[in-house]
Structure formats: structure tokens, C-alpha cells
C-alpha atoms as a PDB file:
ATOM      1  CA  MET A   1     -39.906  70.897  42.420  1.00  0.00           C
ATOM      2  CA  ARG A   2     -37.853  69.348  45.098  1.00  0.00           C
ATOM      3  CA  ARG A   3     -35.576  67.797  42.466  1.00  0.00           C
ATOM      4  CA  ILE A   4     -35.049  71.327  40.819  1.00  0.00           C
ATOM      5  CA  ALA A   5     -34.483  72.924  44.201  1.00  0.00           C
ATOM      6  CA  SER A   6     -31.847  70.130  45.035  1.00  0.00           C
ATOM      7  CA  LEU A   7     -30.096  70.759  41.863  1.00  0.00           C
ATOM      8  CA  LEU A   8     -30.088  74.511  42.286  1.00  0.00           C
ATOM      9  CA  LEU A   9     -28.545  74.088  45.516  1.00  0.00           C
ATOM     10  CA  LEU A  10     -25.919  71.855  44.267  1.00  0.00           C
ATOM     11  CA  PHE A  11     -25.087  74.045  41.779  1.00  0.00           C
ATOM     12  CA  ALA A  12     -24.684  76.807  44.269  1.00  0.00           C
ATOM     13  CA  LEU A  13     -22.584  74.712  46.302  1.00  0.00           C
ATOM     14  CA  PHE A  14     -20.122  74.098  43.442  1.00  0.00           C
ATOM     15  CA  PHE A  15     -20.112  77.831  42.509  1.00  0.00           C
ATOM     16  CA  VAL A  16     -18.966  78.796  45.934  1.00  0.00           C
ATOM     17  CA  ILE A  17     -16.209  76.174  45.833  1.00  0.00           C
ATOM     18  CA  PHE A  18     -15.223  77.488  42.770  1.00  0.00           C
ATOM     19  CA  LEU A  19     -14.907  80.984  43.873  1.00  0.00           C
ATOM     20  CA  PHE A  20     -13.133  79.861  47.039  1.00  0.00           C
ATOM     21  CA  PHE A  21     -10.353  78.270  45.125  1.00  0.00           C
ATOM     22  CA  ARG A  22     -10.112  81.070  42.687  1.00  0.00           C
ATOM     23  CA  THR A  23      -9.687  83.699  45.369  1.00  0.00           C
ATOM     24  CA  VAL A  24      -7.709  81.761  47.735  1.00  0.00           C
ATOM     25  CA  PRO A  25      -3.886  81.209  46.373  1.00  0.00           C
ATOM     26  CA  PHE A  26      -2.441  77.748  46.481  1.00  0.00           C
ATOM     27  CA  GLN A  27       0.247  77.694  49.331  1.00  0.00           C
ATOM     28  CA  ARG A  28       3.454  76.282  48.361  1.00  0.00           C
ATOM     29  CA  ASP A  29       5.916  75.271  51.039  1.00  0.00           C
ATOM     30  CA  GLU A  30       8.773  76.609  49.088  1.00  0.00           C
ATOM     31  CA  GLN A  31      12.473  76.532  50.389  1.00  0.00           C
ATOM     32  CA  PRO A  32      13.980  80.060  50.095  1.00  0.00           C
ATOM     33  CA  SER A  33      17.381  79.871  48.005  1.00  0.00           C
ATOM     34  CA  PRO A  34      20.238  81.138  49.918  1.00  0.00           C
ATOM     35  CA  PRO A  35      22.104  84.091  48.729  1.00  0.00           C
ATOM     36  CA  GLN A  36      24.583  83.972  45.609  1.00  0.00           C
ATOM     37  CA  GLY A  37      27.685  82.470  46.479  1.00  0.00           C
ATOM     38  CA  VAL A  38      26.362  80.488  49.365  1.00  0.00           C
ATOM     39  CA  ARG A  39      26.537  76.721  49.142  1.00  0.00           C
ATOM     40  CA  VAL A  40      24.922  74.658  52.097  1.00  0.00           C
ATOM     41  CA  PHE A  41      26.487  71.416  52.900  1.00  0.00           C
ATOM     42  CA  ASP A  42      24.456  70.427  55.967  1.00  0.00           C
ATOM     43  CA  GLY A  43      23.323  71.921  59.157  1.00  0.00           C
ATOM     44  CA  ASP A  44      26.436  73.183  60.412  1.00  0.00           C
ATOM     45  CA  THR A  45      28.790  73.767  57.366  1.00  0.00           C
ATOM     46  CA  ALA A  46      28.446  75.975  54.379  1.00  0.00           C
ATOM     47  CA  GLU A  47      30.503  77.895  51.784  1.00  0.00           C
ATOM     48  CA  LEU A  48      29.924  81.640  52.672  1.00  0.00           C
ATOM     49  CA  PRO A  49      31.430  84.978  51.497  1.00  0.00           C
ATOM     50  CA  SER A  50      34.370  85.822  54.023  1.00  0.00           C
ATOM     51  CA  GLU A  51      36.857  88.681  53.663  1.00  0.00           C
ATOM     52  CA  GLY A  52      36.363  89.427  49.935  1.00  0.00           C
ATOM     53  CA  GLY A  53      36.424  85.775  49.132  1.00  0.00           C
ATOM     54  CA  VAL A  54      34.709  82.542  49.723  1.00  0.00           C
ATOM     55  CA  ALA A  55      35.306  79.993  52.744  1.00  0.00           C
ATOM     56  CA  ARG A  56      33.968  76.610  53.742  1.00  0.00           C
ATOM     57  CA  VAL A  57      32.637  77.570  57.271  1.00  0.00           C
ATOM     58  CA  ARG A  58      32.035  75.258  60.044  1.00  0.00           C
ATOM     59  CA  TYR A  59      29.816  76.641  62.710  1.00  0.00           C
ATOM     60  CA  LEU A  60      31.462  76.973  65.974  1.00  0.00           C
ATOM     61  CA  LEU A  61      29.865  75.375  69.295  1.00  0.00           C
ATOM     62  CA  VAL A  62      27.306  73.315  67.436  1.00  0.00           C
ATOM     63  CA  ASP A  63      27.274  69.700  65.952  1.00  0.00           C
ATOM     64  CA  THR A  64      24.489  68.764  63.504  1.00  0.00           C
ATOM     65  CA  PRO A  65      23.729  65.203  62.341  1.00  0.00           C
ATOM     66  CA  GLU A  66      25.901  63.987  59.662  1.00  0.00           C
ATOM     67  CA  LEU A  67      24.816  63.815  55.790  1.00  0.00           C
ATOM     68  CA  HIS A  68      27.940  63.309  54.013  1.00  0.00           C
ATOM     69  CA  HIS A  69      30.115  61.199  56.554  1.00  0.00           C
ATOM     70  CA  PRO A  70      32.646  58.840  54.683  1.00  0.00           C
ATOM     71  CA  SER A  71      31.782  55.774  56.732  1.00  0.00           C
ATOM     72  CA  ARG A  72      28.345  56.401  57.962  1.00  0.00           C
ATOM     73  CA  PRO A  73      24.808  56.863  56.219  1.00  0.00           C
ATOM     74  CA  ALA A  74      22.908  60.087  56.636  1.00  0.00           C
ATOM     75  CA  GLU A  75      21.824  60.599  60.204  1.00  0.00           C
ATOM     76  CA  GLU A  76      18.502  61.231  61.766  1.00  0.00           C
ATOM     77  CA  LEU A  77      17.562  64.986  61.453  1.00  0.00           C
ATOM     78  CA  GLY A  78      20.415  65.623  59.195  1.00  0.00           C
ATOM     79  CA  GLU A  79      18.426  66.954  56.432  1.00  0.00           C
ATOM     80  CA  GLU A  80      16.055  68.740  58.623  1.00  0.00           C
ATOM     81  CA  ALA A  81      18.843  70.629  60.045  1.00  0.00           C
ATOM     82  CA  ARG A  82      20.371  71.448  56.387  1.00  0.00           C
ATOM     83  CA  LEU A  83      16.970  72.879  55.393  1.00  0.00           C
ATOM     84  CA  LEU A  84      16.836  74.996  58.351  1.00  0.00           C
ATOM     85  CA  ASN A  85      20.358  76.093  57.865  1.00  0.00           C
ATOM     86  CA  SER A  86      19.661  76.927  54.274  1.00  0.00           C
ATOM     87  CA  ARG A  87      16.458  78.754  55.231  1.00  0.00           C
ATOM     88  CA  LEU A  88      18.290  80.948  57.988  1.00  0.00           C
ATOM     89  CA  LEU A  89      20.925  82.006  55.570  1.00  0.00           C
ATOM     90  CA  ALA A  90      18.399  83.238  53.147  1.00  0.00           C
ATOM     91  CA  SER A  91      17.141  85.813  55.851  1.00  0.00           C
ATOM     92  CA  GLY A  92      19.340  88.601  54.984  1.00  0.00           C
ATOM     93  CA  PRO A  93      22.762  90.121  54.889  1.00  0.00           C
ATOM     94  CA  LEU A  94      25.300  87.420  56.561  1.00  0.00           C
ATOM     95  CA  ARG A  95      27.862  88.362  59.086  1.00  0.00           C
ATOM     96  CA  LEU A  96      30.726  86.083  60.518  1.00  0.00           C
ATOM     97  CA  GLU A  97      32.229  86.552  63.906  1.00  0.00           C
ATOM     98  CA  TYR A  98      35.314  84.551  65.049  1.00  0.00           C
ATOM     99  CA  ASP A  99      36.808  83.330  68.136  1.00  0.00           C
ATOM    100  CA  SER A 100      40.241  82.372  69.343  1.00  0.00           C
ATOM    101  CA  GLU A 101      40.959  79.839  66.836  1.00  0.00           C
ATOM    102  CA  ARG A 102      40.090  80.707  63.261  1.00  0.00           C
ATOM    103  CA  THR A 103      40.420  77.289  61.359  1.00  0.00           C
ATOM    104  CA  ASP A 104      40.156  73.736  62.309  1.00  0.00           C
ATOM    105  CA  ARG A 105      42.364  70.805  61.290  1.00  0.00           C
ATOM    106  CA  TYR A 106      40.441  70.371  57.942  1.00  0.00           C
ATOM    107  CA  GLY A 107      41.372  74.119  57.012  1.00  0.00           C
ATOM    108  CA  ARG A 108      37.527  75.164  57.624  1.00  0.00           C
ATOM    109  CA  THR A 109      37.024  78.560  58.764  1.00  0.00           C
ATOM    110  CA  LEU A 110      35.368  78.271  62.175  1.00  0.00           C
ATOM    111  CA  ALA A 111      32.821  81.132  62.862  1.00  0.00           C
ATOM    112  CA  TYR A 112      29.565  82.277  64.698  1.00  0.00           C
ATOM    113  CA  VAL A 113      27.173  82.862  61.668  1.00  0.00           C
ATOM    114  CA  PHE A 114      24.453  85.754  61.737  1.00  0.00           C
ATOM    115  CA  ALA A 115      21.737  86.878  59.259  1.00  0.00           C
ATOM    116  CA  GLY A 116      19.298  89.757  58.759  1.00  0.00           C
ATOM    117  CA  GLY A 117      19.649  93.316  59.599  1.00  0.00           C
ATOM    118  CA  GLU A 118      21.009  94.785  62.571  1.00  0.00           C
ATOM    119  CA  SER A 119      17.640  95.169  64.624  1.00  0.00           C
ATOM    120  CA  SER A 120      16.597  91.606  63.591  1.00  0.00           C
ATOM    121  CA  GLU A 121      19.954  89.887  63.385  1.00  0.00           C
ATOM    122  CA  LEU A 122      19.423  85.866  63.781  1.00  0.00           C
ATOM    123  CA  PHE A 123      22.215  83.961  65.445  1.00  0.00           C
ATOM    124  CA  LEU A 124      22.161  80.616  63.457  1.00  0.00           C
ATOM    125  CA  ASN A 125      24.445  78.528  65.759  1.00  0.00           C
ATOM    126  CA  GLU A 126      22.066  79.414  68.546  1.00  0.00           C
ATOM    127  CA  ILE A 127      18.677  78.808  66.475  1.00  0.00           C
ATOM    128  CA  LEU A 128      19.872  75.353  65.027  1.00  0.00           C
ATOM    129  CA  VAL A 129      20.560  74.345  68.984  1.00  0.00           C
ATOM    130  CA  ARG A 130      17.097  75.787  70.198  1.00  0.00           C
ATOM    131  CA  GLU A 131      15.183  73.819  67.573  1.00  0.00           C
ATOM    132  CA  GLY A 132      16.624  70.703  68.686  1.00  0.00           C
ATOM    133  CA  LEU A 133      18.452  70.042  65.369  1.00  0.00           C
ATOM    134  CA  ALA A 134      22.161  70.616  66.782  1.00  0.00           C
ATOM    135  CA  GLN A 135      23.816  69.353  70.073  1.00  0.00           C
ATOM    136  CA  PRO A 136      26.504  71.894  71.801  1.00  0.00           C
ATOM    137  CA  LEU A 137      30.212  71.117  70.617  1.00  0.00           C
ATOM    138  CA  ILE A 138      32.112  73.377  73.070  1.00  0.00           C
ATOM    139  CA  ILE A 139      35.957  72.804  72.346  1.00  0.00           C
ATOM    140  CA  PRO A 140      38.264  75.248  73.982  1.00  0.00           C
ATOM    141  CA  PRO A 141      39.557  77.844  73.800  1.00  0.00           C
ATOM    142  CA  ASN A 142      36.510  78.784  71.737  1.00  0.00           C
ATOM    143  CA  ARG A 143      33.859  79.425  74.196  1.00  0.00           C
ATOM    144  CA  ARG A 144      32.626  83.083  73.374  1.00  0.00           C
ATOM    145  CA  TYR A 145      28.991  82.071  73.287  1.00  0.00           C
ATOM    146  CA  ALA A 146      28.835  78.813  75.028  1.00  0.00           C
ATOM    147  CA  ALA A 147      26.496  80.071  77.894  1.00  0.00           C
ATOM    148  CA  ARG A 148      24.153  81.154  74.897  1.00  0.00           C
ATOM    149  CA  ILE A 149      24.391  77.898  73.281  1.00  0.00           C
ATOM    150  CA  LEU A 150      23.799  75.764  76.487  1.00  0.00           C
ATOM    151  CA  LYS A 151      20.783  77.885  77.314  1.00  0.00           C
ATOM    152  CA  ALA A 152      19.264  77.413  73.815  1.00  0.00           C
ATOM    153  CA  PHE A 153      19.948  73.551  74.497  1.00  0.00           C
ATOM    154  CA  GLU A 154      17.900  73.720  77.678  1.00  0.00           C
ATOM    155  CA  GLU A 155      15.170  75.344  75.872  1.00  0.00           C
ATOM    156  CA  ALA A 156      15.020  72.656  73.280  1.00  0.00           C
ATOM    157  CA  ARG A 157      14.631  70.128  75.961  1.00  0.00           C
ATOM    158  CA  ALA A 158      12.035  72.124  77.794  1.00  0.00           C
ATOM    159  CA  GLY A 159       9.961  72.380  74.580  1.00  0.00           C
ATOM    160  CA  GLN A 160      10.616  68.747  73.479  1.00  0.00           C
ATOM    161  CA  ARG A 161      12.053  69.891  70.075  1.00  0.00           C
ATOM    162  CA  GLY A 162      13.834  68.061  67.541  1.00  0.00           C
ATOM    163  CA  LEU A 163      16.076  65.405  69.137  1.00  0.00           C
ATOM    164  CA  TRP A 164      14.545  65.697  72.554  1.00  0.00           C
ATOM    165  CA  SER A 165      10.953  64.703  70.857  1.00  0.00           C
ATOM    166  CA  ARG A 166      12.481  61.790  68.777  1.00  0.00           C
ATOM    167  CA  ALA A 167      14.284  60.375  71.917  1.00  0.00           C
ATOM    168  CA  GLU A 168      11.206  60.547  74.149  1.00  0.00           C
ATOM    169  CA  GLY A 169       9.650  57.651  72.397  1.00  0.00           C
ATOM    170  CA  ARG A 170      12.644  55.378  72.153  1.00  0.00           C
ATOM    171  CA  VAL A 171      13.667  54.251  75.372  1.00  0.00           C
ATOM    172  CA  PHE A 172      16.117  51.258  75.419  1.00  0.00           C
ATOM    173  CA  THR A 173      18.432  49.211  77.944  1.00  0.00           C
ATOM    174  CA  SER A 174      21.993  48.894  77.513  1.00  0.00           C
ATOM    175  CA  ALA A 175      21.328  45.158  76.263  1.00  0.00           C
ATOM    176  CA  GLN A 176      18.595  46.153  73.856  1.00  0.00           C
ATOM    177  CA  VAL A 177      20.693  48.896  72.378  1.00  0.00           C
ATOM    178  CA  TRP A 178      23.530  46.452  71.838  1.00  0.00           C
ATOM    179  CA  SER A 179      21.331  43.648  70.111  1.00  0.00           C
ATOM    180  CA  GLU A 180      19.869  46.356  67.895  1.00  0.00           C
ATOM    181  CA  ALA A 181      22.970  48.552  67.259  1.00  0.00           C
ATOM    182  CA  PRO A 182      23.087  48.378  63.487  1.00  0.00           C
ATOM    183  CA  LEU A 183      19.478  49.652  63.269  1.00  0.00           C
ATOM    184  CA  LEU A 184      19.681  52.170  65.813  1.00  0.00           C
ATOM    185  CA  ALA A 185      23.055  53.601  64.769  1.00  0.00           C
ATOM    186  CA  GLY A 186      22.578  57.492  63.938  1.00  0.00           C
ATOM    187  CA  SER A 187      19.195  57.700  65.704  1.00  0.00           C
ATOM    188  CA  PHE A 188      18.365  59.734  68.878  1.00  0.00           C
ATOM    189  CA  LEU A 189      17.104  57.900  71.768  1.00  0.00           C
ATOM    190  CA  ALA A 190      17.111  57.305  75.454  1.00  0.00           C
ATOM    191  CA  LEU A 191      19.284  54.714  77.151  1.00  0.00           C
ATOM    192  CA  PHE A 192      18.718  53.333  80.490  1.00  0.00           C
ATOM    193  CA  MET A 193      22.035  51.971  82.008  1.00  0.00           C
ATOM    194  CA  THR A 194      23.193  50.555  85.140  1.00  0.00           C
ATOM    195  CA  ILE A 195      26.984  51.816  85.400  1.00  0.00           C
ATOM    196  CA  GLU A 196      29.501  49.115  85.805  1.00  0.00           C
ATOM    197  CA  LYS A 197      32.441  51.255  85.213  1.00  0.00           C
ATOM    198  CA  VAL A 198      33.331  54.944  85.170  1.00  0.00           C
ATOM    199  CA  GLU A 199      36.446  55.945  83.600  1.00  0.00           C
ATOM    200  CA  LEU A 200      38.584  59.221  82.826  1.00  0.00           C
ATOM    201  CA  LYS A 201      40.475  58.391  79.902  1.00  0.00           C
ATOM    202  CA  GLY A 202      42.709  61.450  78.619  1.00  0.00           C
ATOM    203  CA  ARG A 203      39.902  64.100  78.482  1.00  0.00           C
ATOM    204  CA  ARG A 204      37.174  61.579  77.922  1.00  0.00           C
ATOM    205  CA  ILE A 205      34.665  60.535  80.751  1.00  0.00           C
ATOM    206  CA  LEU A 206      33.151  56.929  80.044  1.00  0.00           C
ATOM    207  CA  LEU A 207      30.302  55.535  81.763  1.00  0.00           C
ATOM    208  CA  ARG A 208      30.211  51.865  80.665  1.00  0.00           C
ATOM    209  CA  GLU A 209      27.807  48.805  81.007  1.00  0.00           C
ATOM    210  CA  GLY A 210      28.705  46.118  78.805  1.00  0.00           C
ATOM    211  CA  ARG A 211      29.722  47.014  75.367  1.00  0.00           C
ATOM    212  CA  VAL A 212      27.624  50.409  75.476  1.00  0.00           C
ATOM    213  CA  THR A 213      29.084  53.526  76.802  1.00  0.00           C
ATOM    214  CA  VAL A 214      28.049  57.061  77.463  1.00  0.00           C
ATOM    215  CA  ALA A 215      30.899  59.262  76.510  1.00  0.00           C
ATOM    216  CA  ALA A 216      31.697  63.007  77.030  1.00  0.00           C
ATOM    217  CA  TYR A 217      34.588  65.101  77.128  1.00  0.00           C
ATOM    218  CA  LYS A 218      35.580  66.931  80.500  1.00  0.00           C
ATOM    219  CA  SER A 219      34.547  70.299  80.521  1.00  0.00           C
ATOM    220  CA  PRO A 220      32.601  72.550  82.839  1.00  0.00           C
ATOM    221  CA  GLU A 221      29.407  71.246  81.221  1.00  0.00           C
ATOM    222  CA  THR A 222      30.126  67.584  81.963  1.00  0.00           C
ATOM    223  CA  GLU A 223      32.445  67.415  84.976  1.00  0.00           C
ATOM    224  CA  SER A 224      29.415  66.472  87.206  1.00  0.00           C
ATOM    225  CA  LEU A 225      29.120  63.143  85.418  1.00  0.00           C
ATOM    226  CA  LEU A 226      32.498  62.128  87.430  1.00  0.00           C
ATOM    227  CA  SER A 227      30.442  62.038  90.734  1.00  0.00           C
ATOM    228  CA  LEU A 228      28.549  59.065  89.337  1.00  0.00           C
ATOM    229  CA  ARG A 229      29.530  55.578  90.885  1.00  0.00           C
ATOM    230  CA  GLU A 230      29.404  51.924  89.875  1.00  0.00           C
ATOM    231  CA  GLY A 231      25.632  50.679  90.430  1.00  0.00           C
ATOM    232  CA  ASP A 232      24.065  54.357  89.484  1.00  0.00           C
ATOM    233  CA  ARG A 233      21.137  54.046  87.251  1.00  0.00           C
ATOM    234  CA  ILE A 234      21.201  56.694  84.750  1.00  0.00           C
ATOM    235  CA  ARG A 235      18.995  57.739  81.701  1.00  0.00           C
ATOM    236  CA  ALA A 236      20.908  59.279  78.994  1.00  0.00           C
ATOM    237  CA  VAL A 237      19.543  61.078  75.624  1.00  0.00           C
ATOM    238  CA  GLY A 238      21.609  61.433  72.513  1.00  0.00           C
ATOM    239  CA  LYS A 239      22.677  59.759  69.201  1.00  0.00           C
ATOM    240  CA  LEU A 240      23.973  56.473  69.108  1.00  0.00           C
ATOM    241  CA  LEU A 241      27.160  55.768  67.294  1.00  0.00           C
ATOM    242  CA  LEU A 242      28.840  52.657  66.284  1.00  0.00           C
ATOM    243  CA  SER A 243      32.536  52.311  67.566  1.00  0.00           C
ATOM    244  CA  TYR A 244      35.259  49.816  67.429  1.00  0.00           C
ATOM    245  CA  ASN A 245      34.622  48.772  71.083  1.00  0.00           C
ATOM    246  CA  GLY A 246      30.643  48.630  70.796  1.00  0.00           C
ATOM    247  CA  CYS A 247      28.268  51.478  70.682  1.00  0.00           C
ATOM    248  CA  GLU A 248      28.743  55.128  72.061  1.00  0.00           C
ATOM    249  CA  LEU A 249      26.156  57.734  73.046  1.00  0.00           C
ATOM    250  CA  PRO A 250      28.215  60.832  73.199  1.00  0.00           C
ATOM    251  CA  VAL A 251      26.896  63.820  75.511  1.00  0.00           C
ATOM    252  CA  ALA A 252      27.774  67.505  75.390  1.00  0.00           C
ATOM    253  CA  SER A 253      26.176  68.440  78.664  1.00  0.00           C
ATOM    254  CA  GLU A 254      24.900  67.040  81.954  1.00  0.00           C
ATOM    255  CA  ILE A 255      21.398  67.874  81.130  1.00  0.00           C
ATOM    256  CA  GLN A 256      21.422  64.907  78.944  1.00  0.00           C
ATOM    257  CA  VAL A 257      21.953  62.416  81.850  1.00  0.00           C
ATOM    258  CA  THR A 258      19.916  62.013  84.612  1.00  0.00           C
ATOM    259  CA  ARG A 259      19.769  59.680  87.596  1.00  0.00           C
ATOM    260  CA  SER A 260      17.063  57.317  87.386  1.00  0.00           C
ATOM    261  CA  THR A 261      14.951  55.407  89.879  1.00  0.00           C
ATOM    262  CA  GLU A 262      13.323  52.913  87.531  1.00  0.00           C
END
């Protein structure tokens, strides 16, 4: 009897599992396709309908990791940024908004990109930054939505999203970065540096230690870096790049650089 009861119980269990998988649909994490006529290249560049035609659009005020750079491999979070861009573009009708300059030196259309209906319109440039998949890239005279982009960047840091999360567990000194530069290039990290030299070279602010440089274009968002002095200890968060003179960690906002007492 016990054996029969056990078999009946086992049968009942299999039957319940069978019913569960028949009634609960299999969930696929499918990537929605962008609208017809849209081609997504990376996180901040896409071919979009524009004024009756099609234009290659470079999103204003933001910079996502490279996927198709002629001399560098695909960078960290580049594919994630492209997928988010593609998903956002599939959200609904697209609208482009322009600033003072309409094209860049490569002939691409510069625009703020919006998707969805009027009541639920999404600002793609802003969302990419808020999710930690883009850094601000504010180049005058185009500054219309600079305040929103910078606020989104602060929200990404507060929420430890995207690049901020990746950098949190990767803390290096300048010497360590230089010794591991080929492996770290294109990755997001936190750099501890004791400043040996502060330079203003043209429009660029340069904070140097050995062959490693924290670099920023002078702007209202970065001018405070000029108050730093030789001997100051800082922590900088960003994406490491190889350069002719060593390694660079570009920053777009003062929130990426903090004084350190460690």
C-alpha cells in the first residue's frame, strides 16, 4: 500500500508540474526591433528618419562606449548601450530636436532624440546617461539640455548604475594602471592619483602623475579641477584610454573627481 501511495503521490506531482508549464508561457527576453527605416550603430549613433529623408544622427551631449572605432576594440558597456538605444527607439514615434549647430565635422546630424507619444515621451540622450551607459559630452554652443544630462549623470552615480557600478570594484593607482594599461584600456575604473602636475593646455585641463593623466575640457562642469594642486590626492572615475603620451582617463564633470584622504 505504501508503495502504491508513493507512486500516486509522484504521479500527482508530475501532473501538477505538467499543468504549470502548459499554463505559464515561456518568457523570452526578446529585443524589440526598431521602426522601419531605423538602423542602430551604437549607443549614441543611429540612422533615423529626418525631414522627409534619412540621416545619420549623433546624439547631442552624450558619449557612449565605442563599438566601431577604427583603431580600438569594442569598449566595455558598448553593446549594452547599443541594445538600450535600440529598445528605446522602438518605444514609439520618433522626434528630433536640434541645437545651435546642426552637423558635426563628419557630416552627421546632431540632435536630441525623443521617442513615444506626447504624454509618455522618452528623452533618449538623458536615459542613456541615467542608466550609466553614457557620459556627458557637452561641447558649446550646444548646451540646451546640459542641466538635464548632468542631473541624469548624478542620478546614475547615486544609483551605482552602469559605469559607476563597474568602476566601484576596480580601484587602481597610477602605477598599477600604467603597468596593466593594455588590459585595462576601454574599461571603466577608479583611479587613485597623487597629482604631480596641473596643466591648462589650450582648452584641456590635465592632471598628471607619471604617464597617467586625468583629462577634461575646460567648461562650467570641470573648471573646479583647476583648484587642485600638486600633491593633492584624488580619486577619478572614468574609462581608461591609451594615448601617445601614456594613459588618459577623460572626465566630463567634476563629480567624477573627488579629493581623497586615503
